[in-house]
Structure formats: C-alpha cells, structure tokens
Amino acid sequence: MVPGRWVLAVLLLQLSYTDYGSCGKILVWPVDMSHWLNLKMILEKLAERGHEVTVLVPSNTVIIDYNKPSILNFEVISMENSKENTTEVLDEILDTISNVMPTLPLWKSVIKLREIMVQRTEVLKLQCENVVYNETVMKKLQETKYDAMVIDPVIPCGELIAELLGVPFIYTLRFSFGHIFEKYCAKLPVPSSYIPTPMTSLTDKMTFLERVKNFMFSVLSDLWMNQFDDLGKVWDKLYSEALGRPTTLCETMGKAEIWLMRTYWDFEFPRPYLPNFEFVGGLHCKPAKPLPKEMEEFAQSSGKDGIVVFSLGSMVKNLTDEKANLIASALAQIPQKVLWRYKGKTPDTLGANTRLFDWLPQNDLLGHPKTKAFITHGGTNGIYEAIYHGVPMVGVPMFADQPDNIAHMKAKGAAVEVNINTMTSADLLNALRTVINEPSYKENAMRLSRIHHDQPLKPLDRAVFWIEFVMRHKGAKHLRPAAHNLTWFQYHSLDVIGFLLACVAAALFLVTKCCLFTCKKFGKTGKKKKRD
C-alpha cells in the first residue's frame, strides 16, 4: 500500500471511532466458566472499538486463560493464600448438586446448599480482600483512572472496587436467586401473582395452587435475604470496613447505572422492568461456520433423517455408567445420527448411529441444515444458540437456572423436558420423537428465532452502546428510580397508609363523640320538657 493510502486508512479508522465517542478505559470484574464466554464477547467488541479493557482475574481460573495473547489486558489477582484446587472443588460441588442433592429430602438439600455457600463465601471474600486491601494493586487501579467498570454480580466485590475507585459501573447477569438482587437492590417490581420466582419452574400463567407455591417461594427467598443473611452480613461488614462508613452489599449494588440482562422477549415472559434494565440475550450467537471434515461427513451420512446434537455443557464431565447406558440405549433407537459431547467411559449400549466427541462446535452444529433437535441441560448460552438457529429442544435440566430455562422453552412450545434423576430410556426416546416428529415444535422454535432476529439493534451492539453511554455521560442517573431514596416503609407507602388510617380513626372518633354529645344533649332536653 502506498503511503497516501496508509494515511487515508488511519484517518478513516479515527473517524469511525469519532462516532463512538472518545475511547476510554474499562475495568472488568468477571465470573469464570460459561459466564465468561458471554462477557468475553462484549469485552472484545469494546476493545475492537478502541477502548482499553482490563480484566481483574484471580490466578486460579478454570477457563479464563490470562496467559494467552489477547486483545484484552489482564490484571491477575494472586490467590496463593487459598489452598484449594479450583477445578477439583468445582467438580466436587457439581457432583454434589447434580448427584447427591436430588436424592436428599428438601430440608437436607437446603442445608447442603448452605454448607456449599458458606465454603464458597470464605474463598470469594479472600479473593476480594486480595484486591481491596492490596495497596499496590489499588494504587495502580486508581492511577489508571478508569471511565467505567463492567461487573458480573454473581461473585460480590466488583461494585466495592468501583465505589473505592469512584467509577460508574454496569452489571451483566441472567438473574439472581429469588430475584433478590433485582428486587431489593435494583428496586425492580416483582409481583408474585404472575412473575414466577426463580427455581420454581413456573410460568407466568399459574393456577391458584401454583400461585400459592410461587407466593411461598417468594416469601422464602425474602427470608433467605433477611434471615439467612449471616452470609450477606459477611459482605456487609467487609464493604463497611473497606469504605469507612456503614453500608451493605445490596445498597452498593443499587448504585449500578445499567443492568444488562442476558435474556430477551423471545425467552422472557412479559413483565415490568425499569428504564436502567436492558436486554442482551443471545449476544454470543452468530451464523454457523462450516463443520470439521469428520463431523460434516458424519452429518451428511444421516440422509433425510438428519442429526441430533447432544451436550450437557462443559460443567458436567461424567455420568454414572447406569445413566450413560440408559441415554445411549434411547439414542440408538432413533433414525437420526447423534453427535454427543461426552468424556466418560463409552456406554455398552452405544448405537452405531451415535458418535462421542470431547468437544462440539455447538453453534455451528445447531446452525447446520440437517439438525433436527438439540438435547441440552438448559444453560442460557446453549438455549440462545438453539433459539438463534430455530432448533427445538429436549431439556435435561440439573441445577441452578436450568429448570427455569427449560420451563420457559416448554411454555413457548419449543421444548420437551425429561427428569435426569427419574427418566427411563423410553422417556428420553419419546421426548426425542415428539420434538422431531411433531411439526409444532419446529414451528415454535422458528417463531422464536424470527423474534430474536427482528430487533432494532443486535444484542451485542446494544450491550456495547449502553456501556459507552455510561462512559460518555459518566453514569445514567436519569434512568435510576427514586425508589432508591426511600425507606422500605416509604416504598410500600406504609407511612401514607398509617396516616390515612389515623385520619379515618380520628374522624370516626370525632363523629362518635359528636353523636354521643348530641344524644346526651337531646336526652337531657327531652327529660326537661317532660318535667315541664
């Protein structure tokens, strides 16, 4: 290229960045595993637009590879004072949640979950302290003068760092347990009459008994917030000490400028949201690329029957031999070819139509013209790839938000659910035959796909826009509801109700007194007339 053309290219690049506003510096508090895959898309897009993006990452990550060359900068938090092996602990927790807790009574499952949360809180608190009490790290962050901070709030501390640095921050999340973060910290209205409480697998159209169940779970989540809150008090204490004033985790979270929710109306049930909530579900989805040669040949060999894609995600590494054989037996009975992501021992009942892979290019497979169905654990990322490409699903949810995600897809007619703990081979086979052979499931999946694609802005562009908006305007306070300035009794108008009741009581008292006085006066007058 001649020098003049180089100059022209540079000028065009600079002009393109002028449309975005001046480039700035962004600090990031991420969460590992599938959360990172979603957030990474936003960060790389921001970096491509000229922003300097720095990710605060603990040294003991699982999939965040900070040693690999990247367009992002990584500030590594040393976790040498933590003795645990992150991968081993994660595997143990997943095994407990997936295989142990489903066999326990509900009250024992709650106790087990609490034990896990206590254990994790100590480690996460240590991770936080390794940043906020590390003078070298904090001085470096303060001197950099960041314009905004992007935070995944599943792990606390990001908002504390933002407060210490005096930086406006943006959240990115799917939802919190019981909508606690959104309900209490963001002041989002959550009426239990038609908004299902997370972890209930309910929809927005509930019977009376389902509304009773939803109300009870909503109350229990409130109790979790207020009574089970000795875990929250750990964070309240740390935040108060670090900031040098009394505060709470929830109060600090409430200062978020924008909440980027990783869903959209192709997935969500209609409900009220606040102006500082934006939807960016499916921001990681993209058109399918060609498959590796081996997979393409296998897919083409399926003929008109097509293929089924099966993945329980990266967090489930193995199944019991019994469960694996049960699944393999069902898969062997369908005419479709099956690509199954599975690292365990090869099942004895594995059919000739099924091939095992350590890893699958999931998005590319779901976008393949021969794909007829997707067997999924119900992770948000996988569901959105299925929505993007219009593929019906068989849901095999196990924990966390997965049962709710599949419940949403069932309600929209794009999925059938089977219970991994109780299903038989026949159950899985019938579910597969249903979504493949009944046209309504494909039609509904395609309808959701059309809704997803018919947006004024792509989800990734919307996420980037709002982050840059906060940077340009140094916040988004005009979108923040005044509810944050009210006490809980003012928010529920209990003071107004009390005042009005007092007025009614005073009026009744005065009317009663007047009536009694009048009656007495007329009584005395009547007696006097009789005597006369």
Protein backbone atom coordinates (compact mmCIF):
# COMPACT_ATOMS: atom_id res chain seq x y z
CA MET A 1 0.00 0.00 0.00
CA VAL A 2 1.33 3.45 -0.92
CA PRO A 3 1.94 5.91 1.95
CA GLY A 4 -1.04 8.06 0.95
CA ARG A 5 -3.37 5.10 1.27
CA TRP A 6 -1.94 4.29 4.73
CA VAL A 7 -2.73 7.85 5.84
CA LEU A 8 -6.25 7.57 4.41
CA ALA A 9 -6.82 4.25 6.21
CA VAL A 10 -5.69 5.73 9.53
CA LEU A 11 -7.93 8.79 9.06
CA LEU A 12 -10.93 6.55 8.27
CA LEU A 13 -10.22 4.47 11.37
CA GLN A 14 -10.06 7.60 13.51
CA LEU A 15 -13.28 8.92 12.01
CA SER A 16 -15.01 5.62 12.73
CA TYR A 17 -14.03 5.90 16.39
CA THR A 18 -15.32 9.51 16.47
CA ASP A 19 -18.84 8.13 16.06
CA TYR A 20 -18.41 6.02 19.16
CA GLY A 21 -17.23 8.92 21.31
CA SER A 22 -13.73 9.19 22.69
CA CYS A 23 -12.19 5.84 23.60
CA GLY A 24 -11.85 5.18 27.28
CA LYS A 25 -10.61 2.76 29.91
CA ILE A 26 -12.82 -0.05 31.23
CA LEU A 27 -12.20 -2.25 34.26
CA VAL A 28 -13.90 -5.67 34.46
CA TRP A 29 -14.89 -7.96 37.33
CA PRO A 30 -15.78 -11.29 35.62
CA VAL A 31 -17.11 -14.70 36.64
CA ASP A 32 -15.47 -17.86 35.31
CA MET A 33 -16.96 -20.72 33.24
CA SER A 34 -19.97 -20.08 30.95
CA HIS A 35 -20.42 -16.55 32.34
CA TRP A 36 -17.03 -15.63 30.91
CA LEU A 37 -17.93 -16.85 27.41
CA ASN A 38 -20.78 -14.36 27.36
CA LEU A 39 -18.90 -11.44 28.87
CA LYS A 40 -15.83 -12.01 26.72
CA MET A 41 -17.86 -11.20 23.57
CA ILE A 42 -18.74 -7.76 24.95
CA LEU A 43 -15.20 -7.01 26.10
CA GLU A 44 -13.58 -7.99 22.81
CA LYS A 45 -16.07 -5.81 20.92
CA LEU A 46 -15.25 -2.88 23.21
CA ALA A 47 -11.52 -3.45 22.67
CA GLU A 48 -12.03 -3.58 18.89
CA ARG A 49 -13.70 -0.18 19.12
CA GLY A 50 -10.55 1.27 20.63
CA HIS A 51 -11.25 1.04 24.36
CA GLU A 52 -8.59 -0.16 26.78
CA VAL A 53 -10.16 -3.12 28.62
CA THR A 54 -8.54 -4.53 31.79
CA VAL A 55 -9.90 -7.71 33.40
CA LEU A 56 -9.31 -8.35 37.12
CA VAL A 57 -8.89 -12.12 37.21
CA PRO A 58 -7.88 -14.48 40.05
CA SER A 59 -4.83 -16.64 39.42
CA ASN A 60 -6.81 -19.87 39.91
CA THR A 61 -9.26 -19.59 36.98
CA VAL A 62 -10.66 -22.56 35.07
CA ILE A 63 -11.36 -21.30 31.54
CA ILE A 64 -10.19 -17.67 31.64
CA ASP A 65 -6.74 -18.07 30.08
CA TYR A 66 -4.90 -14.88 31.00
CA ASN A 67 -1.57 -16.23 29.66
CA LYS A 68 -2.87 -16.48 26.10
CA PRO A 69 -2.24 -13.47 23.79
CA SER A 70 -5.37 -11.36 23.78
CA ILE A 71 -6.80 -8.00 22.76
CA LEU A 72 -7.75 -7.68 26.45
CA ASN A 73 -5.44 -6.77 29.33
CA PHE A 74 -5.41 -8.97 32.44
CA GLU A 75 -4.60 -7.86 35.97
CA VAL A 76 -4.01 -11.13 37.84
CA ILE A 77 -5.10 -11.38 41.49
CA SER A 78 -2.81 -13.70 43.39
CA MET A 79 -4.68 -16.47 45.21
CA GLU A 80 -1.61 -18.15 46.72
CA ASN A 81 -3.15 -17.79 50.20
CA SER A 82 -6.04 -20.01 49.04
CA LYS A 83 -5.12 -23.67 49.37
CA GLU A 84 -7.95 -25.10 47.28
CA ASN A 85 -7.68 -26.54 43.78
CA THR A 86 -10.41 -24.66 41.91
CA THR A 87 -11.07 -27.39 39.34
CA GLU A 88 -11.33 -30.14 41.99
CA VAL A 89 -13.61 -28.01 44.19
CA LEU A 90 -15.83 -27.15 41.22
CA ASP A 91 -16.12 -30.82 40.24
CA GLU A 92 -17.00 -31.74 43.83
CA ILE A 93 -19.67 -29.03 44.06
CA LEU A 94 -21.20 -30.03 40.71
CA ASP A 95 -21.24 -33.68 41.73
CA THR A 96 -22.98 -32.79 44.99
CA ILE A 97 -25.59 -30.61 43.28
CA SER A 98 -26.17 -33.00 40.35
CA ASN A 99 -25.98 -36.41 42.01
CA VAL A 100 -26.25 -36.06 45.80
CA MET A 101 -28.80 -33.30 46.47
CA PRO A 102 -31.57 -34.78 44.23
CA THR A 103 -31.54 -37.91 46.43
CA LEU A 104 -31.96 -35.94 49.69
CA PRO A 105 -35.15 -34.62 51.33
CA LEU A 106 -35.78 -30.94 50.63
CA TRP A 107 -34.67 -29.75 54.08
CA LYS A 108 -31.40 -31.69 53.81
CA SER A 109 -30.82 -30.28 50.32
CA VAL A 110 -31.22 -26.75 51.71
CA ILE A 111 -28.70 -27.50 54.48
CA LYS A 112 -26.27 -28.96 51.92
CA LEU A 113 -26.64 -25.90 49.68
CA ARG A 114 -25.98 -23.63 52.64
CA GLU A 115 -22.80 -25.57 53.50
CA ILE A 116 -21.56 -25.06 49.94
CA MET A 117 -22.38 -21.34 50.08
CA VAL A 118 -20.55 -20.90 53.41
CA GLN A 119 -17.48 -22.62 51.97
CA ARG A 120 -17.55 -20.52 48.78
CA THR A 121 -18.15 -17.26 50.64
CA GLU A 122 -14.90 -17.63 52.57
CA VAL A 123 -12.90 -18.18 49.38
CA LEU A 124 -14.62 -15.35 47.48
CA LYS A 125 -14.15 -12.98 50.42
CA LEU A 126 -10.44 -13.81 50.39
CA GLN A 127 -10.34 -13.07 46.65
CA CYS A 128 -11.96 -9.69 47.29
CA GLU A 129 -9.59 -8.83 50.14
CA ASN A 130 -6.63 -9.69 47.91
CA VAL A 131 -7.67 -6.72 45.76
CA VAL A 132 -9.16 -4.06 48.05
CA TYR A 133 -6.52 -4.46 50.78
CA ASN A 134 -3.62 -4.78 48.33
CA GLU A 135 -2.16 -1.26 48.30
CA THR A 136 -0.05 -1.89 45.19
CA VAL A 137 -2.99 -3.16 43.13
CA MET A 138 -5.40 -0.45 44.33
CA LYS A 139 -2.86 2.32 43.71
CA LYS A 140 -2.31 1.04 40.16
CA LEU A 141 -6.08 0.92 39.52
CA GLN A 142 -6.58 4.43 40.94
CA GLU A 143 -3.78 5.89 38.85
CA THR A 144 -5.22 4.37 35.65
CA LYS A 145 -8.40 6.47 36.05
CA TYR A 146 -11.00 4.14 34.56
CA ASP A 147 -14.13 5.55 32.90
CA ALA A 148 -16.44 2.63 33.73
CA MET A 149 -16.49 -0.83 35.27
CA VAL A 150 -18.33 -3.89 33.89
CA ILE A 151 -19.29 -6.42 36.57
CA ASP A 152 -20.82 -9.89 36.74
CA PRO A 153 -22.51 -9.69 40.19
CA VAL A 154 -22.69 -13.45 40.78
CA ILE A 155 -19.42 -13.00 42.69
CA PRO A 156 -19.51 -9.94 45.01
CA CYS A 157 -16.71 -7.35 45.21
CA GLY A 158 -16.80 -5.68 41.79
CA GLU A 159 -19.16 -2.96 43.00
CA LEU A 160 -16.97 -2.39 46.09
CA ILE A 161 -13.92 -1.84 43.88
CA ALA A 162 -15.96 0.54 41.69
CA GLU A 163 -17.01 2.54 44.77
CA LEU A 164 -13.43 2.74 46.04
CA LEU A 165 -12.29 3.97 42.62
CA GLY A 166 -15.25 6.33 42.18
CA VAL A 167 -16.15 4.70 38.84
CA PRO A 168 -19.69 4.20 37.43
CA PHE A 169 -20.45 0.52 36.92
CA ILE A 170 -22.65 -1.70 34.75
CA TYR A 171 -23.95 -5.16 35.64
CA THR A 172 -24.36 -8.13 33.31
CA LEU A 173 -26.39 -11.14 34.58
CA ARG A 174 -29.15 -13.68 33.82
CA PHE A 175 -30.98 -13.35 37.14
CA SER A 176 -30.25 -13.73 40.85
CA PHE A 177 -31.63 -16.33 43.25
CA GLY A 178 -35.22 -15.35 44.03
CA HIS A 179 -34.70 -12.09 42.07
CA ILE A 180 -33.04 -10.82 45.27
CA PHE A 181 -30.53 -8.52 43.54
CA GLU A 182 -33.14 -7.10 41.19
CA LYS A 183 -35.95 -6.87 43.76
CA TYR A 184 -34.08 -5.48 46.76
CA CYS A 185 -31.01 -3.85 45.29
CA ALA A 186 -32.34 -2.52 41.95
CA LYS A 187 -35.91 -1.90 43.26
CA LEU A 188 -37.47 -3.90 40.43
CA PRO A 189 -41.21 -4.60 40.94
CA VAL A 190 -41.74 -8.37 41.26
CA PRO A 191 -45.43 -9.19 41.95
CA SER A 192 -45.69 -12.89 42.77
CA SER A 193 -49.18 -13.11 41.24
CA TYR A 194 -47.78 -13.55 37.73
CA ILE A 195 -43.97 -13.35 37.90
CA PRO A 196 -42.54 -16.82 38.65
CA THR A 197 -39.92 -16.94 41.37
CA PRO A 198 -36.62 -18.39 40.06
CA MET A 199 -36.01 -22.06 40.88
CA THR A 200 -39.76 -22.89 40.83
CA SER A 201 -40.02 -23.90 37.13
CA LEU A 202 -43.32 -21.99 36.97
CA THR A 203 -44.61 -19.81 34.13
CA ASP A 204 -46.49 -16.50 34.08
CA LYS A 205 -49.82 -18.35 33.68
CA MET A 206 -50.34 -20.03 37.06
CA THR A 207 -53.24 -21.92 38.58
CA PHE A 208 -54.38 -20.96 42.08
CA LEU A 209 -52.23 -23.66 43.70
CA GLU A 210 -49.24 -22.63 41.58
CA ARG A 211 -49.72 -19.03 42.74
CA VAL A 212 -49.76 -20.32 46.31
CA LYS A 213 -46.49 -22.14 45.62
CA ASN A 214 -44.99 -19.09 43.94
CA PHE A 215 -46.02 -16.83 46.83
CA MET A 216 -44.48 -19.22 49.38
CA PHE A 217 -41.22 -19.42 47.43
CA SER A 218 -41.18 -15.63 47.14
CA VAL A 219 -41.58 -15.37 50.94
CA LEU A 220 -38.84 -17.97 51.43
CA SER A 221 -36.47 -16.02 49.18
CA ASP A 222 -37.29 -12.91 51.25
CA LEU A 223 -36.42 -14.86 54.41
CA TRP A 224 -33.23 -16.05 52.73
CA MET A 225 -32.37 -12.42 52.14
CA ASN A 226 -33.27 -11.19 55.61
CA GLN A 227 -32.75 -14.12 57.99
CA PHE A 228 -30.39 -16.45 56.21
CA ASP A 229 -28.36 -13.34 55.77
CA ASP A 230 -25.41 -14.11 58.01
CA LEU A 231 -23.61 -14.82 54.71
CA GLY A 232 -24.71 -11.40 53.46
CA LYS A 233 -23.53 -9.85 56.71
CA VAL A 234 -20.03 -11.11 55.92
CA TRP A 235 -20.09 -8.90 52.82
CA ASP A 236 -21.84 -6.01 54.61
CA LYS A 237 -19.06 -5.98 57.19
CA LEU A 238 -16.31 -6.10 54.56
CA TYR A 239 -17.92 -3.33 52.47
CA SER A 240 -18.39 -1.09 55.54
CA GLU A 241 -14.78 -1.59 56.67
CA ALA A 242 -13.35 -1.00 53.19
CA LEU A 243 -15.44 2.13 52.52
CA GLY A 244 -15.08 3.52 56.04
CA ARG A 245 -18.82 4.02 56.52
CA PRO A 246 -21.83 1.84 57.37
CA THR A 247 -23.26 0.26 54.21
CA THR A 248 -24.44 -3.06 52.81
CA LEU A 249 -23.75 -5.19 49.76
CA CYS A 250 -27.30 -4.51 48.50
CA GLU A 251 -27.06 -0.75 48.95
CA THR A 252 -23.82 -0.71 46.97
CA MET A 253 -25.30 -2.92 44.22
CA GLY A 254 -28.21 -0.49 43.93
CA LYS A 255 -25.79 2.11 42.55
CA ALA A 256 -25.38 0.20 39.28
CA GLU A 257 -26.02 2.51 36.33
CA ILE A 258 -27.30 -0.13 33.90
CA TRP A 259 -28.35 -3.78 34.34
CA LEU A 260 -27.62 -5.77 31.15
CA MET A 261 -29.89 -8.82 31.38
CA ARG A 262 -28.77 -11.81 29.33
CA THR A 263 -32.28 -12.59 28.02
CA TYR A 264 -34.84 -11.07 25.63
CA TRP A 265 -38.57 -11.29 24.92
CA ASP A 266 -38.04 -14.41 22.80
CA PHE A 267 -37.21 -16.05 26.14
CA GLU A 268 -38.79 -13.94 28.91
CA PHE A 269 -42.43 -13.77 29.98
CA PRO A 270 -43.89 -10.23 29.72
CA ARG A 271 -43.35 -8.30 32.96
CA PRO A 272 -42.45 -4.78 34.16
CA TYR A 273 -38.85 -3.60 34.07
CA LEU A 274 -37.11 -0.35 34.95
CA PRO A 275 -35.53 2.11 32.46
CA ASN A 276 -31.99 1.11 33.51
CA PHE A 277 -32.60 -2.56 32.57
CA GLU A 278 -31.57 -3.55 29.04
CA PHE A 279 -31.88 -6.97 27.36
CA VAL A 280 -28.90 -8.51 25.55
CA GLY A 281 -29.80 -12.21 25.41
CA GLY A 282 -28.01 -14.18 22.70
CA LEU A 283 -25.24 -11.64 22.21
CA HIS A 284 -22.77 -14.50 21.66
CA CYS A 285 -24.77 -16.10 18.83
CA LYS A 286 -23.56 -15.90 15.25
CA PRO A 287 -24.11 -17.57 11.86
CA ALA A 288 -22.84 -21.14 11.61
CA LYS A 289 -19.40 -21.84 10.17
CA PRO A 290 -18.50 -24.99 8.20
CA LEU A 291 -18.02 -28.10 10.36
CA PRO A 292 -14.75 -30.01 10.68
CA LYS A 293 -14.45 -32.59 7.87
CA GLU A 294 -15.15 -35.63 10.11
CA MET A 295 -18.32 -34.08 11.56
CA GLU A 296 -19.57 -32.87 8.18
CA GLU A 297 -19.17 -36.34 6.66
CA PHE A 298 -20.99 -37.88 9.63
CA ALA A 299 -23.82 -35.34 9.34
CA GLN A 300 -24.18 -35.89 5.59
CA SER A 301 -24.33 -39.67 6.10
CA SER A 302 -27.61 -39.17 8.00
CA GLY A 303 -29.55 -38.61 4.77
CA LYS A 304 -33.06 -37.20 5.11
CA ASP A 305 -33.31 -38.23 8.78
CA GLY A 306 -30.80 -35.59 9.84
CA ILE A 307 -28.83 -35.29 13.08
CA VAL A 308 -29.36 -34.69 16.80
CA VAL A 309 -26.90 -32.59 18.83
CA PHE A 310 -26.42 -33.64 22.46
CA SER A 311 -24.46 -31.66 25.05
CA LEU A 312 -24.78 -31.26 28.82
CA GLY A 313 -22.28 -28.41 28.78
CA SER A 314 -18.70 -28.10 29.97
CA MET A 315 -19.58 -28.35 33.67
CA VAL A 316 -20.89 -31.93 33.52
CA LYS A 317 -17.94 -34.13 32.72
CA ASN A 318 -19.28 -37.60 33.53
CA LEU A 319 -22.48 -39.51 34.16
CA THR A 320 -22.89 -42.74 36.11
CA ASP A 321 -22.50 -45.86 33.97
CA GLU A 322 -26.16 -46.67 34.51
CA LYS A 323 -27.30 -43.23 33.36
CA ALA A 324 -24.96 -43.21 30.36
CA ASN A 325 -26.21 -46.62 29.22
CA LEU A 326 -29.82 -45.53 29.65
CA ILE A 327 -29.23 -42.49 27.45
CA ALA A 328 -27.21 -44.38 24.84
CA SER A 329 -29.96 -47.01 24.59
CA ALA A 330 -32.56 -44.34 23.81
CA LEU A 331 -30.33 -42.66 21.22
CA ALA A 332 -29.69 -45.97 19.48
CA GLN A 333 -33.42 -46.31 18.71
CA ILE A 334 -33.84 -43.15 16.61
CA PRO A 335 -33.09 -42.99 12.87
CA GLN A 336 -31.11 -39.76 13.20
CA LYS A 337 -27.33 -39.65 13.62
CA VAL A 338 -26.30 -38.29 17.05
CA LEU A 339 -23.27 -36.18 17.94
CA TRP A 340 -22.82 -36.47 21.71
CA ARG A 341 -20.36 -34.41 23.73
CA TYR A 342 -19.21 -36.91 26.35
CA LYS A 343 -15.87 -37.63 28.06
CA GLY A 344 -16.81 -40.62 30.22
CA LYS A 345 -16.48 -44.33 29.65
CA THR A 346 -18.05 -45.45 26.37
CA PRO A 347 -21.54 -46.84 27.19
CA ASP A 348 -22.09 -50.54 26.46
CA THR A 349 -25.40 -49.70 24.76
CA LEU A 350 -23.95 -47.11 22.39
CA GLY A 351 -25.58 -47.45 18.95
CA ALA A 352 -23.93 -47.27 15.54
CA ASN A 353 -25.78 -44.01 14.90
CA THR A 354 -24.14 -42.24 17.85
CA ARG A 355 -20.65 -40.77 17.92
CA LEU A 356 -18.90 -39.40 21.04
CA PHE A 357 -16.81 -36.22 20.99
CA ASP A 358 -14.73 -34.49 23.68
CA TRP A 359 -15.87 -31.16 22.26
CA LEU A 360 -18.51 -29.94 19.83
CA PRO A 361 -18.73 -26.73 17.77
CA GLN A 362 -22.22 -26.33 19.23
CA ASN A 363 -23.28 -23.14 17.46
CA ASP A 364 -22.11 -24.45 14.08
CA LEU A 365 -23.91 -27.77 14.60
CA LEU A 366 -27.15 -26.07 15.65
CA GLY A 367 -26.95 -23.94 12.52
CA HIS A 368 -26.44 -26.98 10.27
CA PRO A 369 -29.36 -27.63 7.88
CA LYS A 370 -29.56 -31.30 8.91
CA THR A 371 -30.01 -30.62 12.66
CA LYS A 372 -33.43 -31.81 13.85
CA ALA A 373 -33.16 -31.46 17.64
CA PHE A 374 -30.91 -30.37 20.47
CA ILE A 375 -30.64 -32.32 23.74
CA THR A 376 -29.49 -29.77 26.32
CA HIS A 377 -29.04 -29.31 30.06
CA GLY A 378 -30.67 -25.90 29.68
CA GLY A 379 -27.77 -23.48 30.01
CA THR A 380 -28.69 -19.99 28.79
CA ASN A 381 -25.92 -19.90 26.18
CA GLY A 382 -26.99 -23.18 24.57
CA ILE A 383 -30.68 -22.29 24.63
CA TYR A 384 -29.97 -18.99 22.89
CA GLU A 385 -27.96 -20.72 20.19
CA ALA A 386 -30.94 -23.03 19.63
CA ILE A 387 -33.31 -20.04 19.50
CA TYR A 388 -30.98 -18.20 17.11
CA HIS A 389 -30.99 -21.14 14.67
CA GLY A 390 -34.61 -22.25 15.30
CA VAL A 391 -33.89 -25.74 16.70
CA PRO A 392 -36.43 -27.50 19.01
CA MET A 393 -35.07 -28.88 22.27
CA VAL A 394 -35.22 -31.80 24.67
CA GLY A 395 -34.37 -30.35 28.08
CA VAL A 396 -32.47 -32.37 30.69
CA PRO A 397 -32.01 -29.72 33.41
CA MET A 398 -29.94 -30.44 36.51
CA PHE A 399 -29.35 -27.37 38.71
CA ALA A 400 -29.21 -23.57 39.03
CA ASP A 401 -31.25 -21.71 36.38
CA GLN A 402 -31.53 -24.73 34.07
CA PRO A 403 -35.00 -25.98 35.19
CA ASP A 404 -36.39 -22.44 34.81
CA ASN A 405 -34.81 -22.03 31.38
CA ILE A 406 -36.38 -25.26 30.14
CA ALA A 407 -39.73 -24.26 31.72
CA HIS A 408 -39.64 -21.09 29.60
CA MET A 409 -38.98 -23.07 26.43
CA LYS A 410 -41.74 -25.58 27.27
CA ALA A 411 -44.21 -22.74 27.84
CA LYS A 412 -43.32 -21.31 24.43
CA GLY A 413 -43.81 -24.71 22.76
CA ALA A 414 -40.20 -25.21 21.68
CA ALA A 415 -39.07 -27.94 24.12
CA VAL A 416 -39.97 -31.13 25.96
CA GLU A 417 -38.47 -31.83 29.40
CA VAL A 418 -37.24 -35.08 30.93
CA ASN A 419 -36.07 -35.51 34.52
CA ILE A 420 -32.49 -36.77 34.54
CA ASN A 421 -32.93 -38.29 38.01
CA THR A 422 -36.04 -40.35 37.25
CA MET A 423 -36.18 -40.75 33.47
CA THR A 424 -36.21 -44.11 31.73
CA SER A 425 -34.82 -44.88 28.31
CA ALA A 426 -38.38 -44.79 26.99
CA ASP A 427 -38.93 -41.28 28.43
CA LEU A 428 -35.96 -39.85 26.57
CA LEU A 429 -36.89 -41.73 23.38
CA ASN A 430 -40.48 -40.42 23.48
CA ALA A 431 -39.29 -36.86 24.11
CA LEU A 432 -36.94 -37.04 21.12
CA ARG A 433 -39.60 -38.48 18.84
CA THR A 434 -42.02 -35.75 19.94
CA VAL A 435 -39.82 -32.75 19.15
CA ILE A 436 -38.55 -34.29 15.89
CA ASN A 437 -41.84 -35.62 14.50
CA GLU A 438 -44.43 -33.09 15.74
CA PRO A 439 -44.20 -30.02 13.44
CA SER A 440 -45.38 -27.57 16.12
CA TYR A 441 -42.05 -27.74 17.99
CA LYS A 442 -40.03 -26.77 14.93
CA GLU A 443 -42.58 -24.09 14.03
CA ASN A 444 -42.42 -22.59 17.53
CA ALA A 445 -38.61 -22.70 17.55
CA MET A 446 -38.56 -20.86 14.22
CA ARG A 447 -41.08 -18.29 15.55
CA LEU A 448 -38.76 -17.56 18.50
CA SER A 449 -35.86 -17.33 16.07
CA ARG A 450 -37.70 -14.72 13.97
CA ILE A 451 -38.48 -12.68 17.11
CA HIS A 452 -34.83 -12.87 18.16
CA HIS A 453 -33.55 -11.65 14.80
CA ASP A 454 -36.17 -8.90 14.47
CA GLN A 455 -34.57 -6.32 16.77
CA PRO A 456 -33.60 -2.69 16.08
CA LEU A 457 -30.10 -3.42 17.38
CA LYS A 458 -28.18 -6.66 17.69
CA PRO A 459 -27.82 -7.73 21.34
CA LEU A 460 -24.03 -7.28 21.29
CA ASP A 461 -24.35 -3.79 19.81
CA ARG A 462 -26.95 -2.89 22.44
CA ALA A 463 -24.65 -4.02 25.26
CA VAL A 464 -21.74 -2.02 23.85
CA PHE A 465 -23.94 1.04 23.31
CA TRP A 466 -25.06 1.20 26.94
CA ILE A 467 -21.57 0.70 28.31
CA GLU A 468 -20.31 3.52 26.10
CA PHE A 469 -23.37 5.60 27.07
CA VAL A 470 -22.37 5.34 30.74
CA MET A 471 -18.82 6.31 29.81
CA ARG A 472 -19.93 9.32 27.75
CA HIS A 473 -22.29 10.66 30.41
CA LYS A 474 -20.31 9.49 33.46
CA GLY A 475 -23.30 7.47 34.58
CA ALA A 476 -27.01 7.12 33.85
CA LYS A 477 -28.59 8.64 36.95
CA HIS A 478 -31.60 9.89 34.95
CA LEU A 479 -32.66 6.24 34.49
CA ARG A 480 -32.35 5.35 38.18
CA PRO A 481 -35.72 5.20 40.02
CA ALA A 482 -36.35 7.41 43.06
CA ALA A 483 -37.22 4.23 44.98
CA HIS A 484 -33.54 4.06 45.99
CA ASN A 485 -34.06 7.18 48.13
CA LEU A 486 -36.99 5.72 50.07
CA THR A 487 -37.00 3.56 53.19
CA TRP A 488 -38.79 0.22 52.96
CA PHE A 489 -41.93 1.55 54.67
CA GLN A 490 -41.99 4.62 52.39
CA TYR A 491 -41.52 2.38 49.32
CA HIS A 492 -44.60 0.34 50.31
CA SER A 493 -46.47 3.55 51.34
CA LEU A 494 -46.89 2.20 54.86
CA ASP A 495 -46.40 5.71 56.26
CA VAL A 496 -49.16 7.04 53.95
CA ILE A 497 -51.47 4.13 54.82
CA GLY A 498 -50.77 4.71 58.51
CA PHE A 499 -51.52 8.42 58.17
CA LEU A 500 -54.77 7.79 56.29
CA LEU A 501 -55.85 5.17 58.83
CA ALA A 502 -55.07 7.64 61.62
CA CYS A 503 -57.17 10.28 59.81
CA VAL A 504 -60.07 7.83 59.43
CA ALA A 505 -59.75 6.79 63.07
CA ALA A 506 -59.66 10.46 64.18
CA ALA A 507 -62.70 11.26 62.03
CA LEU A 508 -64.61 8.26 63.41
CA PHE A 509 -63.62 9.27 66.92
CA LEU A 510 -64.85 12.86 66.38
CA VAL A 511 -68.07 11.72 64.71
CA THR A 512 -68.70 9.25 67.53
CA LYS A 513 -68.00 11.90 70.15
CA CYS A 514 -70.31 14.38 68.40
CA CYS A 515 -73.06 11.77 68.15
CA LEU A 516 -72.72 10.87 71.83
CA PHE A 517 -72.68 14.55 72.79
CA THR A 518 -75.76 15.26 70.65
CA CYS A 519 -77.60 12.24 72.02
CA LYS A 520 -76.84 13.27 75.59
CA LYS A 521 -77.91 16.87 74.93
CA PHE A 522 -81.19 15.86 73.29
CA GLY A 523 -81.73 13.29 76.03
CA LYS A 524 -81.43 15.97 78.71
CA THR A 525 -83.67 18.38 76.75
CA GLY A 526 -86.33 15.69 76.32
CA LYS A 527 -86.38 14.90 80.04
CA LYS A 528 -86.65 18.62 80.89
CA LYS A 529 -89.65 19.06 78.56
CA LYS A 530 -91.38 16.05 80.11
CA ARG A 531 -90.96 17.51 83.59
CA ASP A 532 -92.37 20.83 82.38
